[in-house]
Each structure stands twice: as structure tokens, then as C-alpha cells.
Protein backbone atom coordinates (compact mmCIF):
# COMPACT_ATOMS: atom_id res chain seq x y z
CA LEU A 1 0.00 0.00 0.00
CA VAL A 2 2.77 2.43 0.91
CA ALA A 3 4.59 1.75 -2.36
CA THR A 4 1.40 2.31 -4.36
CA VAL A 5 0.64 5.55 -2.55
CA ARG A 6 4.18 6.81 -3.17
CA ALA A 7 4.07 5.68 -6.82
CA HIS A 8 1.09 7.98 -7.31
CA GLY A 9 3.07 10.93 -5.93
CA LEU A 10 1.35 10.98 -2.56
CA VAL A 11 3.12 11.18 0.79
CA PRO A 12 1.82 8.89 3.55
CA GLY A 13 0.96 10.95 6.59
CA ARG A 14 0.68 14.17 4.61
CA ASP A 15 -1.69 13.32 1.76
CA LEU A 16 -3.19 10.12 3.10
CA PRO A 17 -3.15 8.64 6.61
CA ILE A 18 -2.25 4.96 6.73
CA VAL A 19 -2.89 2.58 9.63
CA ALA A 20 -1.96 -1.10 9.33
CA VAL A 21 -2.34 -4.29 11.31
CA CYS A 22 1.24 -5.57 11.27
CA PRO A 23 4.17 -6.18 13.61
CA ASN A 24 5.92 -3.10 15.01
CA ALA A 25 9.23 -4.09 13.40
CA PHE A 26 7.60 -4.19 9.95
CA ALA A 27 5.87 -0.84 10.49
CA GLN A 28 9.13 0.87 11.43
CA GLN A 29 11.21 -0.35 8.47
CA HIS A 30 9.57 1.88 5.84
CA PRO A 31 10.88 5.31 4.77
CA VAL A 32 7.74 6.76 6.39
CA SER A 33 7.10 4.72 9.51
CA ILE A 34 3.59 3.28 9.56
CA THR A 35 1.05 3.79 12.32
CA ASN A 36 0.07 0.28 13.30
CA ILE A 37 -1.68 -2.12 15.58
CA ASP A 38 0.59 -5.07 16.33
CA PRO A 39 -1.37 -8.36 16.30
CA LEU A 40 0.83 -9.59 19.18
CA ALA A 41 1.43 -12.98 17.60
CA GLU A 42 3.93 -14.15 20.23
CA GLN A 43 1.68 -13.30 23.17
CA CYS A 44 -1.35 -14.90 21.49
CA SER A 45 0.64 -18.06 20.75
CA THR A 46 1.90 -18.28 24.33
CA VAL A 47 -1.60 -17.95 25.77
CA ALA A 48 -2.95 -20.54 23.32
CA VAL A 49 -0.24 -23.09 24.11
CA ASN A 50 -0.66 -22.58 27.86
CA LYS A 51 -4.42 -23.08 27.54
CA LEU A 52 -3.91 -26.21 25.46
CA TYR A 53 -1.52 -27.76 27.98
CA ALA A 54 -3.91 -26.90 30.83
CA LEU A 55 -6.75 -28.62 28.95
CA LEU A 56 -4.60 -31.69 28.20
CA ASP A 57 -3.50 -31.92 31.84
CA GLY A 58 -7.08 -31.56 33.09
CA LYS A 59 -6.15 -28.37 34.94
CA ALA A 60 -8.17 -25.95 32.85
CA SER A 61 -10.43 -23.66 34.82
CA GLY A 62 -12.27 -20.54 33.91
CA PRO A 63 -12.95 -19.25 30.42
CA VAL A 64 -11.22 -20.69 27.39
CA ARG A 65 -10.82 -17.17 25.98
CA ASP A 66 -8.38 -14.51 27.12
CA VAL A 67 -8.26 -10.92 25.99
CA ILE A 68 -4.92 -9.58 24.81
CA GLU A 69 -5.27 -5.88 24.09
CA PRO A 70 -3.13 -4.56 21.25
CA GLU A 71 -2.07 -0.92 21.26
CA LEU A 72 -2.12 1.61 18.47
CA GLN A 73 1.42 2.87 17.76
CA ARG A 74 1.20 6.33 16.19
CA ARG A 75 3.95 7.06 13.70
CA GLU A 76 4.69 9.23 10.69
CA SER A 77 1.98 7.79 8.44
CA THR A 78 -0.63 9.65 10.52
CA ALA A 79 1.52 12.63 11.52
CA HIS A 80 -0.10 15.36 9.43
CA PRO A 81 -1.76 18.13 11.51
CA TYR A 82 -5.16 17.22 10.03
CA THR A 83 -4.96 13.65 11.29
CA ALA A 84 -3.68 14.89 14.66
CA THR A 85 -7.03 16.64 15.19
CA LEU A 86 -8.80 13.31 14.71
CA ARG A 87 -7.03 11.76 17.71
CA ALA A 88 -9.19 13.40 20.36
């Protein structure tokens, strides 16, 4: 998406805000760092494996679901003053 936006002469964060669901490391490697929500793959995998082992060992208690809250990481792709007013 970023490459396509730039190929059309637009600047992410100035002409078009971009927010992605991707790992933080990926979002930071672009010339214009991308505002993102990290899907927290490692944390989700750890919780899933722990729940699985608890079920297999007969030690599972409580809900089978856990909530892992991702955080929005604001970066350059939403840095334009117009998009800053939308943050409130």
C-alpha cells in the first residue's frame, strides 16, 4: 500500500493517513514509519499453548478465551496536523 501511494506521488501521513495491522518491526522499516496495531502474535501463541496444555492436563479452569489488548502505535503515516485533530 505504501509503495502504491508513493508511486502515485502521494506522501503517507501528509496526503493520506495509513494505519496497518502488522508487527511493530515491519511498520518501522519503511521510509515513512507506519502507524500500526501489532497483532501480538507471540503473546497470542503463548496464551494458546498454555491453555492447550492446561486442557490436556485436566487443569483448565475458567474461560477458554483470554483478551490480549493490542495498542495503536502512532507514527509518521498519521503525523499530518489534520490527522492529529482526529485523535481526540
